[in-house]
Amino acid sequence: MPTKIESLAENEKNGLSDVVEETGKHSIKSYKIRWFILSNYAMLAFVVCVNSTSHGPINNVLVGYFQVGAWHIDLLTTIRSLLVAFSTLPFAIISSRLGYKRTFIFQYGLFTSGVLLTAIGALFRQGYALTLCGQINTGLTSTLLSAQALETAAIWFPANEVAIAIAIVTMMRALGRAVGSITTTVLVNADMPNEDIKLRLASYYGGMTGLMVLMLISVIVFVDDAPAHPPSYAQAAVIKTKSKTGKEKLKETFKLSIGLLWDLLRDLQFQTISLCIATALSVIRFNTTLLSSILHETFEKDISLNVKAGYALMGMSFATTIGSLIVGPILSKYKNYKAMALLGLTLGCFSCLPTIMGCLYKSLIAVEVGVVLQGMFCGFATPALYELLREVTYPKSAMQVTAFAVGGTALSIFLWSSLGRILLTNTNAVYAATVPAAILFFSGLFLACKSMTLHRQEAEETGERQELLGSDTQE
């Protein structure tokens, strides 16, 4: 018959649902509703990414419909990155004041209003400004998207399921990018009458609006700020720290947020990981924004190039999903976050070579293969990087830390995509295609040179030892 020590260790290892471990200071419990909450949040992440990738592949169609320049359409995709960079601090403060559930509702409200404005803008050929306003709202949602994913995993999931929860959200984001990349290229094309373009795009974004309203209602009804008992020793320690400090006033919250930002800016571990996260996401966003234009620049003008770009981007997104699914269980079992992140960034750099050679020698299949491989290896690296970020910044607020990291990431995405458009306009597609390879190489180099301290893992191991020793003493 197993001892109490063995039973506690086995429960923590397996993350048993609805099993409470009464251990001295804390009751550790995981609740089955965590999977509903994760599914709801993953669906929000999915639709956000469907929307964010829907404009780039039909750049030339929207240029003709709205009668604007190519960079105007790029802005519908990249504006979210610029906004996130400057909204990070105020949104970090807002999230700390609102709490988990109200932040969740706030995100849904922003995004729902954004896709509604986008749907209305699509009804008018002079509706570009309204569409841009809609994308500003949806872009602001992205400020908290990654941070809320980490917060969801930390608040609701036991230690051995955190990496899997993050990987699921990452997978759904990749799946959303896949759907968004191909659906608009199938819905509309440059030879279609403007009236058909109007009705199809308005229906597309209107459908998103209706779905988001239903999901928002489910959050209001079923989601709580936190479970009655923490799911892990690390989360119990965070709750204990918060209970000591209490709820700060707005002025104090602002000071604490500024203090946290200042601490993070001086933390080379945080800076290095944030750079790597920015790189992995920038490569995906770079292809989403510019691949269609790169194909039109490289190959003979063909109405099917948008669809081919869409299929390549869909393949990239599915490959990102596969990469995330592969790395999730590895991280959960071995917790080798840095090694897996380095492996993903390195292979991602090498996977840029087929795209560059495809542009140079005009091979469409080589370009497509390179884009898909970039997605797979960036998807492989991203969950490891987010987990590594949480490890080195523990016990700081996961939501605020990730929000600050995403701010830098967003600015990076905007800058690299803009550089790609400049190179594409003033040189040729080959030079533009080298941008992902360069940024992946240098970010991987920086990560390899910087040692990392896994604070959360140390806290979890210490908590387990203390609780097990206490139980053993009681027996």
Protein backbone atom coordinates (compact mmCIF):
# COMPACT_ATOMS: atom_id res chain seq x y z
CA MET A 1 0.00 0.00 0.00
CA PRO A 2 1.53 3.41 -0.99
CA THR A 3 2.64 5.79 1.74
CA LYS A 4 1.21 9.30 2.09
CA ILE A 5 4.38 10.72 0.58
CA GLU A 6 4.07 8.47 -2.48
CA SER A 7 0.37 9.32 -2.90
CA LEU A 8 1.01 13.07 -2.81
CA ALA A 9 3.85 12.79 -5.30
CA GLU A 10 1.75 10.64 -7.62
CA ASN A 11 -1.23 13.05 -7.51
CA GLU A 12 0.97 16.03 -8.32
CA LYS A 13 2.68 14.10 -11.11
CA ASN A 14 -0.57 12.98 -12.73
CA GLY A 15 -2.53 16.22 -12.12
CA LEU A 16 -5.64 14.28 -11.06
CA SER A 17 -8.87 16.21 -11.58
CA ASP A 18 -11.09 17.02 -8.61
CA VAL A 19 -8.63 15.52 -6.11
CA VAL A 20 -7.69 17.79 -3.21
CA GLU A 21 -4.36 17.43 -1.49
CA GLU A 22 -4.67 18.78 2.04
CA THR A 23 -1.06 19.66 2.77
CA GLY A 24 -0.40 21.86 5.73
CA LYS A 25 -0.56 25.39 4.38
CA HIS A 26 -2.27 24.87 1.00
CA SER A 27 -4.97 22.74 -0.62
CA ILE A 28 -3.85 21.88 -4.14
CA LYS A 29 -6.72 21.08 -6.50
CA SER A 30 -7.44 21.10 -10.22
CA TYR A 31 -10.99 21.53 -11.56
CA LYS A 32 -12.49 19.99 -14.68
CA ILE A 33 -13.96 23.35 -15.72
CA ARG A 34 -10.40 24.39 -16.55
CA TRP A 35 -10.82 22.65 -19.91
CA PHE A 36 -13.96 24.68 -20.74
CA ILE A 37 -12.16 27.91 -19.83
CA LEU A 38 -9.13 26.93 -21.90
CA SER A 39 -11.38 25.95 -24.84
CA ASN A 40 -13.17 29.30 -24.68
CA TYR A 41 -9.93 31.24 -24.60
CA ALA A 42 -8.42 29.09 -27.35
CA MET A 43 -11.48 29.89 -29.51
CA LEU A 44 -10.94 33.62 -28.95
CA ALA A 45 -7.28 33.20 -29.93
CA PHE A 46 -8.38 31.24 -33.02
CA VAL A 47 -10.80 33.91 -34.28
CA VAL A 48 -8.37 36.75 -33.49
CA CYS A 49 -5.79 35.03 -35.70
CA VAL A 50 -8.34 34.29 -38.45
CA ASN A 51 -9.03 38.01 -38.62
CA SER A 52 -5.38 39.07 -38.38
CA THR A 53 -4.29 36.99 -41.39
CA SER A 54 -7.27 37.67 -43.62
CA HIS A 55 -6.07 40.85 -45.36
CA GLY A 56 -2.44 40.15 -46.37
CA PRO A 57 -3.12 37.32 -48.86
CA ILE A 58 -5.64 39.47 -50.79
CA ASN A 59 -3.56 42.64 -50.79
CA ASN A 60 -4.04 43.32 -54.50
CA VAL A 61 -7.82 42.71 -54.26
CA LEU A 62 -8.24 45.20 -51.42
CA VAL A 63 -5.99 47.74 -53.16
CA GLY A 64 -8.44 47.72 -56.07
CA TYR A 65 -11.59 47.63 -53.95
CA PHE A 66 -10.69 50.39 -51.49
CA GLN A 67 -8.64 52.30 -54.11
CA VAL A 68 -5.60 52.68 -51.85
CA GLY A 69 -1.90 51.72 -51.99
CA ALA A 70 -0.39 48.34 -51.09
CA TRP A 71 1.14 49.74 -47.90
CA HIS A 72 -2.35 50.84 -46.77
CA ILE A 73 -3.43 47.20 -46.86
CA ASP A 74 -0.21 46.15 -45.10
CA LEU A 75 -1.24 48.56 -42.36
CA LEU A 76 -4.45 46.60 -41.72
CA THR A 77 -2.18 43.76 -40.59
CA THR A 78 0.78 45.63 -39.08
CA ILE A 79 -1.17 48.36 -37.25
CA ARG A 80 -1.93 45.88 -34.47
CA SER A 81 1.78 45.49 -33.87
CA LEU A 82 2.39 49.22 -33.59
CA LEU A 83 -0.60 49.61 -31.26
CA VAL A 84 0.45 46.75 -29.02
CA ALA A 85 3.90 48.28 -28.60
CA PHE A 86 2.44 51.48 -27.13
CA SER A 87 -0.57 50.03 -25.30
CA THR A 88 1.41 47.47 -23.32
CA LEU A 89 1.94 49.53 -20.15
CA PRO A 90 -1.62 50.89 -19.83
CA PHE A 91 -3.10 47.48 -20.62
CA ALA A 92 -0.84 45.81 -18.06
CA ILE A 93 -2.19 48.25 -15.47
CA ILE A 94 -5.78 47.71 -16.64
CA SER A 95 -5.44 43.92 -16.42
CA SER A 96 -4.00 44.11 -12.91
CA ARG A 97 -6.98 46.22 -11.82
CA LEU A 98 -9.69 44.27 -13.62
CA GLY A 99 -8.68 40.77 -12.61
CA TYR A 100 -8.87 37.62 -14.72
CA LYS A 101 -12.58 37.44 -15.64
CA ARG A 102 -13.13 41.13 -16.39
CA THR A 103 -9.94 41.21 -18.46
CA PHE A 104 -11.35 38.26 -20.41
CA ILE A 105 -14.60 40.20 -21.00
CA PHE A 106 -12.65 43.34 -21.91
CA GLN A 107 -10.78 41.40 -24.61
CA TYR A 108 -14.01 40.02 -26.06
CA GLY A 109 -15.57 43.49 -26.08
CA LEU A 110 -12.63 45.03 -27.93
CA PHE A 111 -12.46 42.30 -30.53
CA THR A 112 -16.21 42.07 -31.13
CA SER A 113 -16.48 45.81 -31.74
CA GLY A 114 -13.45 45.61 -34.05
CA VAL A 115 -14.80 42.91 -36.36
CA LEU A 116 -18.17 44.68 -36.40
CA LEU A 117 -16.50 47.88 -37.66
CA THR A 118 -14.54 45.82 -40.20
CA ALA A 119 -17.77 44.26 -41.48
CA ILE A 120 -19.42 47.68 -41.83
CA GLY A 121 -16.32 49.11 -43.54
CA ALA A 122 -16.43 46.34 -46.14
CA LEU A 123 -19.87 47.58 -47.24
CA PHE A 124 -18.38 50.77 -48.76
CA ARG A 125 -15.60 51.28 -51.29
CA GLN A 126 -14.71 54.37 -49.25
CA GLY A 127 -14.79 52.26 -46.09
CA TYR A 128 -11.02 51.83 -45.67
CA ALA A 129 -10.84 54.23 -42.71
CA LEU A 130 -13.66 52.39 -40.92
CA THR A 131 -11.96 49.05 -41.64
CA LEU A 132 -8.70 50.43 -40.24
CA CYS A 133 -10.51 51.55 -37.08
CA GLY A 134 -11.93 48.05 -36.73
CA GLN A 135 -8.48 46.53 -37.07
CA ILE A 136 -7.17 48.94 -34.45
CA ASN A 137 -9.70 47.51 -32.00
CA THR A 138 -8.88 43.93 -32.90
CA GLY A 139 -5.19 44.79 -32.70
CA LEU A 140 -5.59 46.08 -29.16
CA THR A 141 -6.97 42.66 -28.24
CA SER A 142 -3.61 41.18 -29.18
CA THR A 143 -1.93 43.17 -26.41
CA LEU A 144 -3.33 40.80 -23.80
CA LEU A 145 -3.73 37.65 -25.90
CA SER A 146 -0.47 35.89 -25.00
CA ALA A 147 -0.48 37.26 -21.45
CA GLN A 148 -3.99 35.95 -20.78
CA ALA A 149 -2.98 32.55 -22.13
CA LEU A 150 -0.18 32.30 -19.58
CA GLU A 151 -2.46 33.58 -16.84
CA THR A 152 -5.09 30.99 -17.72
CA ALA A 153 -2.53 28.20 -17.56
CA ALA A 154 -1.08 29.45 -14.26
CA ILE A 155 -4.41 30.03 -12.49
CA TRP A 156 -6.30 26.92 -13.60
CA PHE A 157 -3.80 24.17 -14.50
CA PRO A 158 -1.51 21.95 -12.41
CA ALA A 159 2.23 22.25 -12.96
CA ASN A 160 2.48 19.25 -15.30
CA GLU A 161 -0.28 20.59 -17.60
CA VAL A 162 0.85 24.23 -17.94
CA ALA A 163 3.00 23.61 -21.02
CA ILE A 164 0.22 21.59 -22.66
CA ALA A 165 -2.33 24.36 -22.01
CA ILE A 166 -0.03 26.96 -23.56
CA ALA A 167 0.68 24.66 -26.50
CA ILE A 168 -3.07 24.24 -27.12
CA VAL A 169 -3.60 28.01 -27.29
CA THR A 170 -0.54 28.35 -29.53
CA MET A 171 -1.95 25.57 -31.72
CA MET A 172 -5.32 27.29 -32.02
CA ARG A 173 -3.65 30.57 -32.95
CA ALA A 174 -1.76 28.74 -35.69
CA LEU A 175 -4.95 27.07 -36.86
CA GLY A 176 -6.64 30.48 -36.94
CA ARG A 177 -3.85 31.87 -39.09
CA ALA A 178 -4.31 28.91 -41.44
CA VAL A 179 -8.04 29.48 -41.82
CA GLY A 180 -7.64 33.25 -42.20
CA SER A 181 -4.92 32.85 -44.83
CA ILE A 182 -6.95 30.71 -47.20
CA THR A 183 -10.61 31.70 -46.70
CA THR A 184 -10.38 35.25 -48.04
CA THR A 185 -8.39 34.12 -51.11
CA VAL A 186 -11.20 31.66 -51.89
CA LEU A 187 -13.95 34.19 -51.13
CA VAL A 188 -12.71 37.03 -53.36
CA ASN A 189 -10.33 37.68 -56.25
CA ALA A 190 -9.24 40.65 -58.35
CA ASP A 191 -11.53 39.75 -61.30
CA MET A 192 -14.67 39.66 -59.15
CA PRO A 193 -17.28 42.49 -59.35
CA ASN A 194 -17.00 44.98 -56.49
CA GLU A 195 -20.56 44.22 -55.39
CA ASP A 196 -19.66 40.56 -54.82
CA ILE A 197 -16.49 41.53 -52.95
CA LYS A 198 -18.54 43.82 -50.71
CA LEU A 199 -21.18 41.25 -49.80
CA ARG A 200 -18.74 38.40 -49.23
CA LEU A 201 -16.37 40.36 -47.00
CA ALA A 202 -19.21 41.93 -45.00
CA SER A 203 -20.77 38.49 -44.43
CA TYR A 204 -17.40 37.03 -43.45
CA TYR A 205 -16.65 39.58 -40.73
CA GLY A 206 -20.30 39.78 -39.71
CA GLY A 207 -20.25 36.05 -38.99
CA MET A 208 -17.22 36.54 -36.74
CA THR A 209 -19.13 39.23 -34.84
CA GLY A 210 -22.07 36.92 -34.13
CA LEU A 211 -19.82 34.10 -32.92
CA MET A 212 -17.94 36.45 -30.58
CA VAL A 213 -21.18 37.69 -29.01
CA LEU A 214 -22.14 34.09 -28.13
CA MET A 215 -18.69 33.36 -26.70
CA LEU A 216 -18.78 36.56 -24.63
CA ILE A 217 -22.06 35.48 -23.04
CA SER A 218 -20.53 32.12 -22.08
CA VAL A 219 -17.61 33.88 -20.38
CA ILE A 220 -19.97 36.10 -18.38
CA VAL A 221 -22.02 33.10 -17.25
CA PHE A 222 -19.44 30.38 -16.59
CA VAL A 223 -15.95 31.84 -15.97
CA ASP A 224 -14.67 32.87 -12.52
CA ASP A 225 -11.67 34.96 -11.51
CA ALA A 226 -9.89 31.95 -9.99
CA PRO A 227 -10.62 28.47 -8.60
CA ALA A 228 -11.30 27.99 -4.90
CA HIS A 229 -7.97 26.17 -4.50
CA PRO A 230 -4.72 26.74 -6.47
CA PRO A 231 -3.73 23.99 -8.94
CA SER A 232 -0.01 23.97 -8.06
CA TYR A 233 2.43 24.88 -5.30
CA ALA A 234 3.89 27.66 -7.47
CA GLN A 235 0.45 29.26 -7.90
CA ALA A 236 -0.21 28.89 -4.17
CA ALA A 237 2.96 30.88 -3.52
CA VAL A 238 1.76 33.62 -5.91
CA ILE A 239 -1.60 33.80 -4.10
CA LYS A 240 0.17 34.01 -0.75
CA THR A 241 2.27 36.92 -2.02
CA LYS A 242 -0.81 38.75 -3.33
CA SER A 243 -2.67 38.23 -0.05
CA LYS A 244 0.17 39.92 1.81
CA THR A 245 0.33 42.94 -0.47
CA GLY A 246 -3.46 43.33 -0.89
CA LYS A 247 -5.17 45.28 -3.67
CA GLU A 248 -3.32 48.47 -4.49
CA LYS A 249 -4.82 51.81 -5.39
CA LEU A 250 -4.55 52.95 -8.99
CA LYS A 251 -1.59 55.23 -8.27
CA GLU A 252 0.21 52.42 -6.47
CA THR A 253 -0.63 50.02 -9.29
CA PHE A 254 0.91 52.44 -11.78
CA LYS A 255 4.05 52.76 -9.68
CA LEU A 256 4.32 48.99 -9.32
CA SER A 257 3.86 48.52 -13.08
CA ILE A 258 6.54 51.11 -13.84
CA GLY A 259 8.78 49.43 -11.30
CA LEU A 260 8.16 46.03 -12.88
CA LEU A 261 8.90 47.41 -16.35
CA TRP A 262 12.13 48.98 -15.10
CA ASP A 263 13.18 45.68 -13.49
CA LEU A 264 12.43 43.78 -16.68
CA LEU A 265 14.33 46.25 -18.86
CA ARG A 266 17.41 45.63 -16.71
CA ASP A 267 16.93 41.86 -16.81
CA LEU A 268 19.04 40.38 -19.63
CA GLN A 269 17.19 37.08 -19.36
CA PHE A 270 13.86 38.81 -20.02
CA GLN A 271 15.32 40.89 -22.86
CA THR A 272 16.88 37.88 -24.55
CA ILE A 273 13.75 35.73 -24.38
CA SER A 274 11.54 38.63 -25.48
CA LEU A 275 13.80 39.13 -28.51
CA CYS A 276 13.47 35.46 -29.41
CA ILE A 277 9.69 35.48 -29.01
CA ALA A 278 9.57 38.61 -31.17
CA THR A 279 11.65 36.87 -33.83
CA ALA A 280 9.57 33.68 -33.97
CA LEU A 281 6.31 35.62 -34.23
CA SER A 282 7.80 38.19 -36.65
CA VAL A 283 8.71 35.47 -39.14
CA ILE A 284 5.14 34.19 -39.16
CA ARG A 285 3.69 37.70 -39.45
CA PHE A 286 6.24 38.66 -42.13
CA ASN A 287 5.07 35.81 -44.36
CA THR A 288 1.41 36.51 -43.63
CA THR A 289 1.78 40.14 -44.65
CA LEU A 290 4.17 39.91 -47.60
CA LEU A 291 4.12 36.42 -49.15
CA SER A 292 1.38 37.28 -51.64
CA SER A 293 3.29 40.40 -52.74
CA ILE A 294 6.56 38.42 -52.94
CA LEU A 295 4.92 35.89 -55.27
CA HIS A 296 3.48 38.63 -57.49
CA GLU A 297 6.95 40.24 -57.64
CA THR A 298 8.74 36.96 -58.44
CA PHE A 299 6.40 35.15 -60.80
CA GLU A 300 4.29 36.08 -63.80
CA LYS A 301 1.04 37.81 -62.90
CA ASP A 302 -1.57 35.15 -62.31
CA ILE A 303 -4.97 35.43 -60.62
CA SER A 304 -4.23 32.15 -58.79
CA LEU A 305 -1.12 33.50 -57.01
CA ASN A 306 -3.23 34.76 -54.09
CA VAL A 307 -4.75 31.32 -53.65
CA LYS A 308 -1.31 29.71 -53.87
CA ALA A 309 -0.02 32.14 -51.26
CA GLY A 310 -3.05 31.33 -49.13
CA TYR A 311 -2.39 27.59 -49.34
CA ALA A 312 1.29 28.13 -48.48
CA LEU A 313 0.30 30.24 -45.47
CA MET A 314 -2.28 27.65 -44.45
CA GLY A 315 0.42 25.01 -44.65
CA MET A 316 2.68 27.25 -42.56
CA SER A 317 0.00 27.62 -39.92
CA PHE A 318 -0.76 23.90 -39.77
CA ALA A 319 2.97 23.26 -39.52
CA THR A 320 3.12 25.76 -36.64
CA THR A 321 0.39 23.74 -34.96
CA ILE A 322 2.31 20.51 -35.47
CA GLY A 323 5.46 22.10 -34.06
CA SER A 324 3.57 23.24 -30.95
CA LEU A 325 1.98 19.81 -30.47
CA ILE A 326 5.33 18.09 -30.75
CA VAL A 327 7.12 20.32 -28.25
CA GLY A 328 4.33 20.52 -25.63
CA PRO A 329 4.73 16.98 -24.21
CA ILE A 330 8.53 17.25 -24.40
CA LEU A 331 8.45 20.41 -22.29
CA SER A 332 6.04 18.87 -19.80
CA LYS A 333 8.22 15.80 -19.31
CA TYR A 334 11.76 17.17 -19.51
CA LYS A 335 11.32 20.93 -18.85
CA ASN A 336 14.25 21.60 -21.21
CA TYR A 337 12.85 24.96 -22.34
CA LYS A 338 16.04 26.64 -23.55
CA ALA A 339 17.28 23.62 -25.50
CA MET A 340 13.96 23.23 -27.34
CA ALA A 341 13.76 26.97 -28.06
CA LEU A 342 17.28 26.94 -29.50
CA LEU A 343 16.52 23.90 -31.62
CA GLY A 344 13.42 25.57 -33.07
CA LEU A 345 15.18 28.87 -33.85
CA THR A 346 18.17 27.14 -35.45
CA LEU A 347 16.09 24.89 -37.70
CA GLY A 348 13.86 27.87 -38.50
CA CYS A 349 16.91 29.78 -39.76
CA PHE A 350 17.95 26.92 -42.06
CA SER A 351 14.38 26.56 -43.33
CA CYS A 352 14.58 30.07 -44.82
CA LEU A 353 17.06 28.84 -47.44
CA PRO A 354 14.45 27.14 -49.71
CA THR A 355 12.41 30.37 -49.79
CA ILE A 356 15.43 32.48 -50.70
CA MET A 357 16.54 30.01 -53.38
CA GLY A 358 12.98 29.74 -54.69
CA CYS A 359 12.81 33.51 -55.18
CA LEU A 360 16.25 33.53 -56.79
CA TYR A 361 15.58 30.69 -59.24
CA LYS A 362 11.81 31.24 -59.56
CA SER A 363 10.70 27.95 -58.03
CA LEU A 364 7.24 28.28 -56.45
CA ILE A 365 7.42 24.90 -54.72
CA ALA A 366 10.70 25.85 -53.03
CA VAL A 367 9.18 29.09 -51.73
CA GLU A 368 6.16 27.21 -50.37
CA VAL A 369 8.25 24.48 -48.74
CA GLY A 370 10.46 27.09 -47.05
CA VAL A 371 7.45 29.00 -45.70
CA VAL A 372 5.87 25.82 -44.30
CA LEU A 373 9.11 24.76 -42.59
CA GLN A 374 9.53 28.22 -41.07
CA GLY A 375 6.08 27.87 -39.55
CA MET A 376 6.83 24.44 -38.10
CA PHE A 377 10.07 25.42 -36.39
CA CYS A 378 8.82 28.79 -35.14
CA GLY A 379 5.78 26.97 -33.75
CA PHE A 380 8.14 24.50 -32.09
CA ALA A 381 10.15 27.31 -30.47
CA THR A 382 7.29 29.56 -29.30
CA PRO A 383 5.79 27.46 -26.43
CA ALA A 384 9.30 26.77 -25.13
CA LEU A 385 10.10 30.49 -25.18
CA TYR A 386 6.89 31.46 -23.35
CA GLU A 387 7.53 28.78 -20.74
CA LEU A 388 11.12 29.98 -20.38
CA LEU A 389 9.87 33.55 -19.98
CA ARG A 390 7.56 32.47 -17.15
CA GLU A 391 10.36 30.52 -15.48
CA VAL A 392 12.90 33.36 -15.38
CA THR A 393 10.39 36.03 -14.28
CA TYR A 394 8.54 33.99 -11.61
CA PRO A 395 6.86 35.02 -9.26
CA LYS A 396 6.11 38.28 -11.10
CA SER A 397 2.62 38.59 -12.63
CA ALA A 398 2.49 36.36 -15.71
CA MET A 399 -0.02 38.66 -17.39
CA GLN A 400 1.98 41.84 -16.87
CA VAL A 401 5.33 40.26 -17.76
CA THR A 402 3.97 38.76 -20.96
CA ALA A 403 2.17 42.00 -21.84
CA PHE A 404 5.49 43.86 -21.65
CA ALA A 405 7.20 41.16 -23.70
CA VAL A 406 4.43 41.31 -26.31
CA GLY A 407 4.91 45.09 -26.53
CA GLY A 408 8.46 44.60 -27.74
CA THR A 409 7.35 41.75 -29.97
CA ALA A 410 4.70 43.89 -31.62
CA LEU A 411 7.14 46.68 -32.40
CA SER A 412 9.54 44.12 -33.87
CA ILE A 413 6.80 42.68 -36.10
CA PHE A 414 5.93 46.15 -37.40
CA LEU A 415 9.56 47.06 -38.09
CA TRP A 416 10.52 43.81 -39.84
CA SER A 417 7.36 43.75 -41.97
CA SER A 418 7.94 47.39 -42.93
CA LEU A 419 11.56 46.62 -43.82
CA GLY A 420 10.36 43.75 -45.99
CA ARG A 421 7.94 46.02 -47.86
CA ILE A 422 10.71 48.62 -48.38
CA LEU A 423 13.11 45.97 -49.74
CA LEU A 424 10.37 44.50 -51.93
CA THR A 425 9.49 47.92 -53.34
CA ASN A 426 13.03 49.22 -53.87
CA THR A 427 15.07 46.07 -54.62
CA ASN A 428 13.57 42.63 -55.27
CA ALA A 429 11.93 39.65 -53.60
CA VAL A 430 15.23 37.86 -52.88
CA TYR A 431 16.44 40.61 -50.53
CA ALA A 432 13.05 40.72 -48.80
CA ALA A 433 13.13 36.94 -48.28
CA THR A 434 16.45 37.13 -46.40
CA VAL A 435 14.94 39.13 -43.51
CA PRO A 436 13.53 36.09 -41.59
CA ALA A 437 16.82 34.19 -41.87
CA ALA A 438 18.84 37.10 -40.48
CA ILE A 439 16.64 37.75 -37.46
CA LEU A 440 16.35 34.04 -36.58
CA PHE A 441 20.14 33.64 -36.72
CA PHE A 442 20.93 36.53 -34.40
CA SER A 443 18.16 35.82 -31.89
CA GLY A 444 19.28 32.18 -31.62
CA LEU A 445 22.86 33.32 -31.11
CA PHE A 446 21.86 35.67 -28.28
CA LEU A 447 19.80 32.95 -26.58
CA ALA A 448 22.65 30.44 -26.78
CA CYS A 449 25.03 32.90 -25.11
CA LYS A 450 22.77 33.75 -22.16
CA SER A 451 22.37 31.41 -19.17
CA MET A 452 18.86 31.08 -17.64
CA THR A 453 17.66 30.60 -14.04
CA LEU A 454 14.42 28.61 -13.74
CA HIS A 455 12.82 30.28 -10.69
CA ARG A 456 9.37 28.71 -11.02
CA GLN A 457 10.78 25.21 -11.31
CA GLU A 458 12.86 25.82 -8.19
CA ALA A 459 9.77 27.06 -6.28
CA GLU A 460 7.71 24.05 -7.37
CA GLU A 461 10.41 21.59 -6.30
CA THR A 462 10.90 23.39 -2.98
CA GLY A 463 7.15 23.40 -2.30
CA GLU A 464 6.87 19.69 -3.02
CA ARG A 465 9.80 18.87 -0.75
CA GLN A 466 8.44 20.96 2.11
CA GLU A 467 4.94 19.50 1.86
CA LEU A 468 6.17 15.92 1.55
CA LEU A 469 8.58 16.30 4.47
CA GLY A 470 5.79 17.85 6.56
CA SER A 471 3.45 14.96 5.74
CA ASP A 472 6.14 12.45 6.56
CA THR A 473 6.76 14.12 9.93
CA GLN A 474 3.05 14.06 10.74
CA GLU A 475 2.90 10.33 10.08
